[in-house]
Amino acid sequence: MQTGLYGWITEADVLTPEGPDLDQTHADYIAVGTPGKATPDQHMRLVDAARVLCEDRGAEAVILGGTDLFVVFDQETPNYPVIDSAEVHMDAIVAMASN
């Protein structure tokens, strides 16, 4: 998160959780990846971190930069746009395979 997706996003400002919230978001993301599901507390913290970025810090969308995050946001209908990197990857693969 701190690298702005490894420096590839140059056309937009990348906002990330700050301070302890950044550390907690990272810990929750790592914890969700292995079992492939989020506990209710992890779910609440990750969705709340995204909400804060949009409502309090002015983010226009949330990028789910980790492909495992769909397990947290798949059942949500948030009040902000969510860009799922797993879906972007799949679309790119299909587009390349179709050409």
PDB file of N, CA and C in Angstrom:
ATOM      1  N   MET A   1       0.817  -1.185   0.000  1.00  0.00           N
ATOM      2  CA  MET A   1       0.000   0.000   0.000  1.00  0.00           C
ATOM      3  C   MET A   1       0.866   1.257   0.000  1.00  0.00           C
ATOM      4  N   GLN A   2       1.988   1.201   0.652  1.00  0.00           N
ATOM      5  CA  GLN A   2       2.820   2.393   0.780  1.00  0.00           C
ATOM      6  C   GLN A   2       3.520   2.765  -0.521  1.00  0.00           C
ATOM      7  N   THR A   3       3.607   1.861  -1.473  1.00  0.00           N
ATOM      8  CA  THR A   3       4.324   2.144  -2.716  1.00  0.00           C
ATOM      9  C   THR A   3       3.411   2.647  -3.822  1.00  0.00           C
ATOM     10  N   GLY A   4       2.131   2.851  -3.549  1.00  0.00           N
ATOM     11  CA  GLY A   4       1.219   3.276  -4.612  1.00  0.00           C
ATOM     12  C   GLY A   4       1.134   2.227  -5.696  1.00  0.00           C
ATOM     13  N   LEU A   5       0.953   0.966  -5.268  1.00  0.00           N
ATOM     14  CA  LEU A   5       0.960  -0.183  -6.174  1.00  0.00           C
ATOM     15  C   LEU A   5       2.247  -0.219  -6.980  1.00  0.00           C
ATOM     16  N   TYR A   6       3.336  -0.230  -6.228  1.00  0.00           N
ATOM     17  CA  TYR A   6       4.676  -0.355  -6.786  1.00  0.00           C
ATOM     18  C   TYR A   6       5.023   0.772  -7.750  1.00  0.00           C
ATOM     19  N   GLY A   7       4.425   1.939  -7.542  1.00  0.00           N
ATOM     20  CA  GLY A   7       4.748   3.096  -8.356  1.00  0.00           C
ATOM     21  C   GLY A   7       4.087   3.140  -9.715  1.00  0.00           C
ATOM     22  N   TRP A   8       3.220   2.179 -10.021  1.00  0.00           N
ATOM     23  CA  TRP A   8       2.600   2.125 -11.349  1.00  0.00           C
ATOM     24  C   TRP A   8       1.447   3.102 -11.502  1.00  0.00           C
ATOM     25  N   ILE A   9       0.853   3.500 -10.414  1.00  0.00           N
ATOM     26  CA  ILE A   9      -0.242   4.459 -10.515  1.00  0.00           C
ATOM     27  C   ILE A   9       0.366   5.853 -10.461  1.00  0.00           C
ATOM     28  N   THR A  10       0.373   6.511 -11.596  1.00  0.00           N
ATOM     29  CA  THR A  10       0.962   7.844 -11.670  1.00  0.00           C
ATOM     30  C   THR A  10      -0.066   8.911 -12.024  1.00  0.00           C
ATOM     31  N   GLU A  11      -1.237   8.517 -12.484  1.00  0.00           N
ATOM     32  CA  GLU A  11      -2.261   9.477 -12.907  1.00  0.00           C
ATOM     33  C   GLU A  11      -3.197   9.866 -11.773  1.00  0.00           C
ATOM     34  N   ALA A  12      -3.019   9.291 -10.600  1.00  0.00           N
ATOM     35  CA  ALA A  12      -3.913   9.568  -9.480  1.00  0.00           C
ATOM     36  C   ALA A  12      -3.115   9.611  -8.184  1.00  0.00           C
ATOM     37  N   ASP A  13      -3.657  10.298  -7.225  1.00  0.00           N
ATOM     38  CA  ASP A  13      -3.077  10.272  -5.883  1.00  0.00           C
ATOM     39  C   ASP A  13      -3.572   9.014  -5.188  1.00  0.00           C
ATOM     40  N   VAL A  14      -2.668   8.289  -4.592  1.00  0.00           N
ATOM     41  CA  VAL A  14      -3.027   7.056  -3.889  1.00  0.00           C
ATOM     42  C   VAL A  14      -3.068   7.358  -2.397  1.00  0.00           C
ATOM     43  N   LEU A  15      -4.210   7.098  -1.793  1.00  0.00           N
ATOM     44  CA  LEU A  15      -4.376   7.270  -0.355  1.00  0.00           C
ATOM     45  C   LEU A  15      -4.357   5.897   0.290  1.00  0.00           C
ATOM     46  N   THR A  16      -3.724   5.804   1.430  1.00  0.00           N
ATOM     47  CA  THR A  16      -3.721   4.550   2.180  1.00  0.00           C
ATOM     48  C   THR A  16      -4.094   4.862   3.619  1.00  0.00           C
ATOM     49  N   PRO A  17      -4.533   3.851   4.356  1.00  0.00           N
ATOM     50  CA  PRO A  17      -4.734   4.074   5.786  1.00  0.00           C
ATOM     51  C   PRO A  17      -3.430   4.591   6.400  1.00  0.00           C
ATOM     52  N   GLU A  18      -3.555   5.287   7.500  1.00  0.00           N
ATOM     53  CA  GLU A  18      -2.369   5.897   8.111  1.00  0.00           C
ATOM     54  C   GLU A  18      -2.103   5.331   9.496  1.00  0.00           C
ATOM     55  N   GLY A  19      -0.830   5.382   9.900  1.00  0.00           N
ATOM     56  CA  GLY A  19      -0.430   4.995  11.252  1.00  0.00           C
ATOM     57  C   GLY A  19      -0.856   3.598  11.621  1.00  0.00           C
ATOM     58  N   PRO A  20      -1.432   3.451  12.822  1.00  0.00           N
ATOM     59  CA  PRO A  20      -1.860   2.125  13.280  1.00  0.00           C
ATOM     60  C   PRO A  20      -2.904   1.489  12.361  1.00  0.00           C
ATOM     61  N   ASP A  21      -3.722   2.326  11.691  1.00  0.00           N
ATOM     62  CA  ASP A  21      -4.722   1.778  10.774  1.00  0.00           C
ATOM     63  C   ASP A  21      -4.064   1.073   9.597  1.00  0.00           C
ATOM     64  N   LEU A  22      -2.923   1.587   9.122  1.00  0.00           N
ATOM     65  CA  LEU A  22      -2.183   0.941   8.034  1.00  0.00           C
ATOM     66  C   LEU A  22      -1.679  -0.425   8.490  1.00  0.00           C
ATOM     67  N   ASP A  23      -1.105  -0.465   9.681  1.00  0.00           N
ATOM     68  CA  ASP A  23      -0.589  -1.732  10.215  1.00  0.00           C
ATOM     69  C   ASP A  23      -1.718  -2.751  10.413  1.00  0.00           C
ATOM     70  N   GLN A  24      -2.866  -2.296  10.933  1.00  0.00           N
ATOM     71  CA  GLN A  24      -3.985  -3.203  11.160  1.00  0.00           C
ATOM     72  C   GLN A  24      -4.571  -3.699   9.844  1.00  0.00           C
ATOM     73  N   THR A  25      -4.687  -2.801   8.858  1.00  0.00           N
ATOM     74  CA  THR A  25      -5.197  -3.203   7.545  1.00  0.00           C
ATOM     75  C   THR A  25      -4.288  -4.248   6.926  1.00  0.00           C
ATOM     76  N   HIS A  26      -2.984  -4.043   7.018  1.00  0.00           N
ATOM     77  CA  HIS A  26      -2.031  -5.015   6.481  1.00  0.00           C
ATOM     78  C   HIS A  26      -2.177  -6.359   7.206  1.00  0.00           C
ATOM     79  N   ALA A  27      -2.243  -6.319   8.533  1.00  0.00           N
ATOM     80  CA  ALA A  27      -2.373  -7.564   9.305  1.00  0.00           C
ATOM     81  C   ALA A  27      -3.662  -8.303   8.945  1.00  0.00           C
ATOM     82  N   ASP A  28      -4.758  -7.560   8.797  1.00  0.00           N
ATOM     83  CA  ASP A  28      -6.026  -8.196   8.430  1.00  0.00           C
ATOM     84  C   ASP A  28      -5.951  -8.792   7.030  1.00  0.00           C
ATOM     85  N   TYR A  29      -5.333  -8.078   6.096  1.00  0.00           N
ATOM     86  CA  TYR A  29      -5.206  -8.601   4.729  1.00  0.00           C
ATOM     87  C   TYR A  29      -4.418  -9.909   4.729  1.00  0.00           C
ATOM     88  N   ILE A  30      -3.298  -9.950   5.423  1.00  0.00           N
ATOM     89  CA  ILE A  30      -2.479 -11.164   5.486  1.00  0.00           C
ATOM     90  C   ILE A  30      -3.282 -12.303   6.130  1.00  0.00           C
ATOM     91  N   ALA A  31      -4.028 -11.985   7.180  1.00  0.00           N
ATOM     92  CA  ALA A  31      -4.799 -13.011   7.887  1.00  0.00           C
ATOM     93  C   ALA A  31      -5.948 -13.556   7.048  1.00  0.00           C
ATOM     94  N   VAL A  32      -6.490 -12.763   6.144  1.00  0.00           N
ATOM     95  CA  VAL A  32      -7.606 -13.191   5.290  1.00  0.00           C
ATOM     96  C   VAL A  32      -7.114 -14.112   4.173  1.00  0.00           C
ATOM     97  N   GLY A  33      -5.897 -13.907   3.711  1.00  0.00           N
ATOM     98  CA  GLY A  33      -5.391 -14.638   2.548  1.00  0.00           C
ATOM     99  C   GLY A  33      -5.278 -16.135   2.730  1.00  0.00           C
ATOM    100  N   THR A  34      -4.810 -16.585   3.867  1.00  0.00           N
ATOM    101  CA  THR A  34      -4.573 -18.014   4.065  1.00  0.00           C
ATOM    102  C   THR A  34      -5.873 -18.817   4.132  1.00  0.00           C
ATOM    103  N   PRO A  35      -6.821 -18.449   4.989  1.00  0.00           N
ATOM    104  CA  PRO A  35      -8.056 -19.241   5.043  1.00  0.00           C
ATOM    105  C   PRO A  35      -9.048 -18.902   3.926  1.00  0.00           C
ATOM    106  N   GLY A  36      -8.832 -17.783   3.247  1.00  0.00           N
ATOM    107  CA  GLY A  36      -9.743 -17.387   2.181  1.00  0.00           C
ATOM    108  C   GLY A  36     -11.066 -16.844   2.673  1.00  0.00           C
ATOM    109  N   LYS A  37     -11.089 -16.378   3.906  1.00  0.00           N
ATOM    110  CA  LYS A  37     -12.298 -15.759   4.451  1.00  0.00           C
ATOM    111  C   LYS A  37     -11.889 -14.812   5.571  1.00  0.00           C
ATOM    112  N   ALA A  38     -12.786 -13.906   5.874  1.00  0.00           N
ATOM    113  CA  ALA A  38     -12.536 -12.924   6.918  1.00  0.00           C
ATOM    114  C   ALA A  38     -13.422 -13.213   8.119  1.00  0.00           C
ATOM    115  N   THR A  39     -12.873 -12.987   9.294  1.00  0.00           N
ATOM    116  CA  THR A  39     -13.705 -13.040  10.491  1.00  0.00           C
ATOM    117  C   THR A  39     -14.606 -11.811  10.484  1.00  0.00           C
ATOM    118  N   PRO A  40     -15.658 -11.816  11.264  1.00  0.00           N
ATOM    119  CA  PRO A  40     -16.499 -10.610  11.329  1.00  0.00           C
ATOM    120  C   PRO A  40     -15.709  -9.353  11.716  1.00  0.00           C
ATOM    121  N   ASP A  41     -14.756  -9.482  12.639  1.00  0.00           N
ATOM    122  CA  ASP A  41     -13.951  -8.315  13.040  1.00  0.00           C
ATOM    123  C   ASP A  41     -13.045  -7.846  11.905  1.00  0.00           C
ATOM    124  N   GLN A  42     -12.403  -8.775  11.199  1.00  0.00           N
ATOM    125  CA  GLN A  42     -11.560  -8.395  10.059  1.00  0.00           C
ATOM    126  C   GLN A  42     -12.396  -7.721   8.982  1.00  0.00           C
ATOM    127  N   HIS A  43     -13.551  -8.290   8.699  1.00  0.00           N
ATOM    128  CA  HIS A  43     -14.460  -7.728   7.704  1.00  0.00           C
ATOM    129  C   HIS A  43     -14.810  -6.290   8.073  1.00  0.00           C
ATOM    130  N   MET A  44     -15.223  -6.083   9.319  1.00  0.00           N
ATOM    131  CA  MET A  44     -15.620  -4.756   9.774  1.00  0.00           C
ATOM    132  C   MET A  44     -14.461  -3.761   9.657  1.00  0.00           C
ATOM    133  N   ARG A  45     -13.272  -4.165  10.087  1.00  0.00           N
ATOM    134  CA  ARG A  45     -12.117  -3.249  10.044  1.00  0.00           C
ATOM    135  C   ARG A  45     -11.736  -2.899   8.614  1.00  0.00           C
ATOM    136  N   LEU A  46     -11.729  -3.870   7.708  1.00  0.00           N
ATOM    137  CA  LEU A  46     -11.341  -3.595   6.320  1.00  0.00           C
ATOM    138  C   LEU A  46     -12.373  -2.731   5.602  1.00  0.00           C
ATOM    139  N   VAL A  47     -13.636  -3.023   5.800  1.00  0.00           N
ATOM    140  CA  VAL A  47     -14.689  -2.212   5.180  1.00  0.00           C
ATOM    141  C   VAL A  47     -14.669  -0.805   5.770  1.00  0.00           C
ATOM    142  N   ASP A  48     -14.427  -0.705   7.066  1.00  0.00           N
ATOM    143  CA  ASP A  48     -14.365   0.613   7.700  1.00  0.00           C
ATOM    144  C   ASP A  48     -13.158   1.405   7.212  1.00  0.00           C
ATOM    145  N   ALA A  49     -12.029   0.739   7.012  1.00  0.00           N
ATOM    146  CA  ALA A  49     -10.838   1.432   6.494  1.00  0.00           C
ATOM    147  C   ALA A  49     -11.124   2.015   5.111  1.00  0.00           C
ATOM    148  N   ALA A  50     -11.830   1.271   4.278  1.00  0.00           N
ATOM    149  CA  ALA A  50     -12.190   1.761   2.945  1.00  0.00           C
ATOM    150  C   ALA A  50     -13.166   2.930   3.053  1.00  0.00           C
ATOM    151  N   ARG A  51     -14.118   2.811   3.949  1.00  0.00           N
ATOM    152  CA  ARG A  51     -15.096   3.887   4.149  1.00  0.00           C
ATOM    153  C   ARG A  51     -14.411   5.178   4.585  1.00  0.00           C
ATOM    154  N   VAL A  52     -13.470   5.074   5.510  1.00  0.00           N
ATOM    155  CA  VAL A  52     -12.738   6.252   5.989  1.00  0.00           C
ATOM    156  C   VAL A  52     -11.982   6.914   4.843  1.00  0.00           C
ATOM    157  N   LEU A  53     -11.344   6.097   3.992  1.00  0.00           N
ATOM    158  CA  LEU A  53     -10.614   6.670   2.856  1.00  0.00           C
ATOM    159  C   LEU A  53     -11.542   7.490   1.972  1.00  0.00           C
ATOM    160  N   CYS A  54     -12.746   7.012   1.764  1.00  0.00           N
ATOM    161  CA  CYS A  54     -13.682   7.720   0.877  1.00  0.00           C
ATOM    162  C   CYS A  54     -14.392   8.868   1.587  1.00  0.00           C
ATOM    163  N   GLU A  55     -14.985   8.594   2.704  1.00  0.00           N
ATOM    164  CA  GLU A  55     -15.815   9.600   3.366  1.00  0.00           C
ATOM    165  C   GLU A  55     -15.005  10.674   4.075  1.00  0.00           C
ATOM    166  N   ASP A  56     -13.900  10.300   4.684  1.00  0.00           N
ATOM    167  CA  ASP A  56     -13.139  11.249   5.494  1.00  0.00           C
ATOM    168  C   ASP A  56     -11.932  11.839   4.775  1.00  0.00           C
ATOM    169  N   ARG A  57     -11.373  11.077   3.827  1.00  0.00           N
ATOM    170  CA  ARG A  57     -10.124  11.539   3.210  1.00  0.00           C
ATOM    171  C   ARG A  57     -10.273  11.895   1.739  1.00  0.00           C
ATOM    172  N   GLY A  58     -11.457  11.689   1.165  1.00  0.00           N
ATOM    173  CA  GLY A  58     -11.734  12.147  -0.183  1.00  0.00           C
ATOM    174  C   GLY A  58     -11.392  11.204  -1.313  1.00  0.00           C
ATOM    175  N   ALA A  59     -11.134   9.941  -1.012  1.00  0.00           N
ATOM    176  CA  ALA A  59     -10.871   8.981  -2.091  1.00  0.00           C
ATOM    177  C   ALA A  59     -12.118   8.836  -2.956  1.00  0.00           C
ATOM    178  N   GLU A  60     -11.916   8.703  -4.257  1.00  0.00           N
ATOM    179  CA  GLU A  60     -13.029   8.546  -5.185  1.00  0.00           C
ATOM    180  C   GLU A  60     -13.384   7.085  -5.421  1.00  0.00           C
ATOM    181  N   ALA A  61     -12.471   6.185  -5.128  1.00  0.00           N
ATOM    182  CA  ALA A  61     -12.691   4.752  -5.301  1.00  0.00           C
ATOM    183  C   ALA A  61     -11.713   4.006  -4.414  1.00  0.00           C
ATOM    184  N   VAL A  62     -12.006   2.749  -4.177  1.00  0.00           N
ATOM    185  CA  VAL A  62     -11.118   1.885  -3.403  1.00  0.00           C
ATOM    186  C   VAL A  62     -10.611   0.795  -4.336  1.00  0.00           C
ATOM    187  N   ILE A  63      -9.302   0.668  -4.422  1.00  0.00           N
ATOM    188  CA  ILE A  63      -8.690  -0.398  -5.215  1.00  0.00           C
ATOM    189  C   ILE A  63      -8.411  -1.568  -4.286  1.00  0.00           C
ATOM    190  N   LEU A  64      -8.980  -2.711  -4.609  1.00  0.00           N
ATOM    191  CA  LEU A  64      -8.666  -3.928  -3.863  1.00  0.00           C
ATOM    192  C   LEU A  64      -7.384  -4.478  -4.476  1.00  0.00           C
ATOM    193  N   GLY A  65      -6.258  -3.933  -4.027  1.00  0.00           N
ATOM    194  CA  GLY A  65      -4.961  -4.257  -4.610  1.00  0.00           C
ATOM    195  C   GLY A  65      -4.523  -5.683  -4.359  1.00  0.00           C
ATOM    196  N   GLY A  66      -5.034  -6.302  -3.340  1.00  0.00           N
ATOM    197  CA  GLY A  66      -4.744  -7.710  -3.077  1.00  0.00           C
ATOM    198  C   GLY A  66      -5.863  -8.564  -3.637  1.00  0.00           C
ATOM    199  N   THR A  67      -5.504  -9.554  -4.407  1.00  0.00           N
ATOM    200  CA  THR A  67      -6.529 -10.364  -5.081  1.00  0.00           C
ATOM    201  C   THR A  67      -7.378 -11.173  -4.104  1.00  0.00           C
ATOM    202  N   ASP A  68      -6.967 -11.278  -2.839  1.00  0.00           N
ATOM    203  CA  ASP A  68      -7.754 -12.004  -1.843  1.00  0.00           C
ATOM    204  C   ASP A  68      -8.853 -11.148  -1.223  1.00  0.00           C
ATOM    205  N   LEU A  69      -8.842  -9.859  -1.473  1.00  0.00           N
ATOM    206  CA  LEU A  69      -9.788  -8.977  -0.803  1.00  0.00           C
ATOM    207  C   LEU A  69     -11.223  -9.129  -1.273  1.00  0.00           C
ATOM    208  N   PHE A  70     -11.443  -9.825  -2.394  1.00  0.00           N
ATOM    209  CA  PHE A  70     -12.816 -10.038  -2.840  1.00  0.00           C
ATOM    210  C   PHE A  70     -13.623 -10.787  -1.790  1.00  0.00           C
ATOM    211  N   VAL A  71     -12.973 -11.587  -0.949  1.00  0.00           N
ATOM    212  CA  VAL A  71     -13.711 -12.336   0.072  1.00  0.00           C
ATOM    213  C   VAL A  71     -14.283 -11.407   1.132  1.00  0.00           C
ATOM    214  N   VAL A  72     -13.746 -10.220   1.251  1.00  0.00           N
ATOM    215  CA  VAL A  72     -14.260  -9.247   2.201  1.00  0.00           C
ATOM    216  C   VAL A  72     -15.349  -8.400   1.564  1.00  0.00           C
ATOM    217  N   PHE A  73     -15.118  -7.978   0.322  1.00  0.00           N
ATOM    218  CA  PHE A  73     -15.995  -7.011  -0.310  1.00  0.00           C
ATOM    219  C   PHE A  73     -17.020  -7.647  -1.245  1.00  0.00           C
ATOM    220  N   ASP A  74     -17.017  -8.950  -1.438  1.00  0.00           N
ATOM    221  CA  ASP A  74     -17.925  -9.560  -2.412  1.00  0.00           C
ATOM    222  C   ASP A  74     -19.386  -9.467  -2.000  1.00  0.00           C
ATOM    223  N   GLN A  75     -19.659  -9.410  -0.725  1.00  0.00           N
ATOM    224  CA  GLN A  75     -21.041  -9.348  -0.266  1.00  0.00           C
ATOM    225  C   GLN A  75     -21.462  -7.929   0.104  1.00  0.00           C
ATOM    226  N   GLU A  76     -20.560  -6.994  -0.049  1.00  0.00           N
ATOM    227  CA  GLU A  76     -20.835  -5.610   0.298  1.00  0.00           C
ATOM    228  C   GLU A  76     -21.349  -4.850  -0.909  1.00  0.00           C
ATOM    229  N   THR A  77     -22.192  -3.914  -0.667  1.00  0.00           N
ATOM    230  CA  THR A  77     -22.578  -2.947  -1.676  1.00  0.00           C
ATOM    231  C   THR A  77     -22.251  -1.580  -1.070  1.00  0.00           C
ATOM    232  N   PRO A  78     -20.971  -1.225  -1.106  1.00  0.00           N
ATOM    233  CA  PRO A  78     -20.578   0.023  -0.444  1.00  0.00           C
ATOM    234  C   PRO A  78     -21.081   1.246  -1.205  1.00  0.00           C
ATOM    235  N   ASN A  79     -21.023   2.371  -0.540  1.00  0.00           N
ATOM    236  CA  ASN A  79     -21.442   3.632  -1.138  1.00  0.00           C
ATOM    237  C   ASN A  79     -20.305   4.302  -1.885  1.00  0.00           C
ATOM    238  N   TYR A  80     -19.334   3.533  -2.320  1.00  0.00           N
ATOM    239  CA  TYR A  80     -18.187   4.046  -3.057  1.00  0.00           C
ATOM    240  C   TYR A  80     -17.772   2.995  -4.087  1.00  0.00           C
ATOM    241  N   PRO A  81     -17.152   3.440  -5.181  1.00  0.00           N
ATOM    242  CA  PRO A  81     -16.708   2.469  -6.193  1.00  0.00           C
ATOM    243  C   PRO A  81     -15.571   1.599  -5.665  1.00  0.00           C
ATOM    244  N   VAL A  82     -15.619   0.335  -6.011  1.00  0.00           N
ATOM    245  CA  VAL A  82     -14.578  -0.625  -5.641  1.00  0.00           C
ATOM    246  C   VAL A  82     -14.016  -1.221  -6.930  1.00  0.00           C
ATOM    247  N   ILE A  83     -12.698  -1.159  -7.076  1.00  0.00           N
ATOM    248  CA  ILE A  83     -12.017  -1.730  -8.236  1.00  0.00           C
ATOM    249  C   ILE A  83     -11.293  -2.979  -7.751  1.00  0.00           C
ATOM    250  N   ASP A  84     -11.753  -4.129  -8.200  1.00  0.00           N
ATOM    251  CA  ASP A  84     -11.200  -5.417  -7.761  1.00  0.00           C
ATOM    252  C   ASP A  84     -10.060  -5.817  -8.687  1.00  0.00           C
ATOM    253  N   SER A  85      -8.843  -5.847  -8.162  1.00  0.00           N
ATOM    254  CA  SER A  85      -7.696  -6.165  -9.007  1.00  0.00           C
ATOM    255  C   SER A  85      -7.780  -7.586  -9.575  1.00  0.00           C
ATOM    256  N   ALA A  86      -8.418  -8.510  -8.862  1.00  0.00           N
ATOM    257  CA  ALA A  86      -8.573  -9.867  -9.401  1.00  0.00           C
ATOM    258  C   ALA A  86      -9.430  -9.833 -10.658  1.00  0.00           C
ATOM    259  N   GLU A  87     -10.495  -9.051 -10.637  1.00  0.00           N
ATOM    260  CA  GLU A  87     -11.364  -8.928 -11.805  1.00  0.00           C
ATOM    261  C   GLU A  87     -10.634  -8.250 -12.965  1.00  0.00           C
ATOM    262  N   VAL A  88      -9.835  -7.239 -12.652  1.00  0.00           N
ATOM    263  CA  VAL A  88      -9.050  -6.553 -13.690  1.00  0.00           C
ATOM    264  C   VAL A  88      -8.065  -7.531 -14.325  1.00  0.00           C
ATOM    265  N   HIS A  89      -7.415  -8.351 -13.503  1.00  0.00           N
ATOM    266  CA  HIS A  89      -6.482  -9.355 -14.025  1.00  0.00           C
ATOM    267  C   HIS A  89      -7.205 -10.357 -14.935  1.00  0.00           C
ATOM    268  N   MET A  90      -8.345 -10.843 -14.481  1.00  0.00           N
ATOM    269  CA  MET A  90      -9.093 -11.828 -15.280  1.00  0.00           C
ATOM    270  C   MET A  90      -9.531 -11.231 -16.614  1.00  0.00           C
ATOM    271  N   ASP A  91     -10.013  -9.992 -16.600  1.00  0.00           N
ATOM    272  CA  ASP A  91     -10.427  -9.345 -17.837  1.00  0.00           C
ATOM    273  C   ASP A  91      -9.256  -9.200 -18.802  1.00  0.00           C
ATOM    274  N   ALA A  92      -8.087  -8.848 -18.280  1.00  0.00           N
ATOM    275  CA  ALA A  92      -6.902  -8.698 -19.125  1.00  0.00           C
ATOM    276  C   ALA A  92      -6.470 -10.032 -19.732  1.00  0.00           C
ATOM    277  N   ILE A  93      -6.543 -11.097 -18.935  1.00  0.00           N
ATOM    278  CA  ILE A  93      -6.174 -12.422 -19.421  1.00  0.00           C
ATOM    279  C   ILE A  93      -7.123 -12.872 -20.535  1.00  0.00           C
ATOM    280  N   VAL A  94      -8.415 -12.669 -20.322  1.00  0.00           N
ATOM    281  CA  VAL A  94      -9.401 -13.042 -21.335  1.00  0.00           C
ATOM    282  C   VAL A  94      -9.187 -12.225 -22.602  1.00  0.00           C
ATOM    283  N   ALA A  95      -8.935 -10.924 -22.464  1.00  0.00           N
ATOM    284  CA  ALA A  95      -8.702 -10.069 -23.621  1.00  0.00           C
ATOM    285  C   ALA A  95      -7.471 -10.527 -24.398  1.00  0.00           C
ATOM    286  N   MET A  96      -6.407 -10.875 -23.700  1.00  0.00           N
ATOM    287  CA  MET A  96      -5.183 -11.336 -24.370  1.00  0.00           C
ATOM    288  C   MET A  96      -5.419 -12.682 -25.053  1.00  0.00           C
ATOM    289  N   ALA A  97      -6.159 -13.549 -24.391  1.00  0.00           N
ATOM    290  CA  ALA A  97      -6.422 -14.875 -24.964  1.00  0.00           C
ATOM    291  C   ALA A  97      -7.331 -14.782 -26.193  1.00  0.00           C
ATOM    292  N   SER A  98      -8.169 -13.764 -26.220  1.00  0.00           N
ATOM    293  CA  SER A  98      -9.105 -13.595 -27.338  1.00  0.00           C
ATOM    294  C   SER A  98      -8.448 -13.024 -28.584  1.00  0.00           C
ATOM    295  N   ASN A  99      -7.293 -12.414 -28.422  1.00  0.00           N
ATOM    296  CA  ASN A  99      -6.615 -11.791 -29.571  1.00  0.00           C
ATOM    297  C   ASN A  99      -5.744 -12.761 -30.296  1.00  0.00           C
TER     298      ASN A  99
END
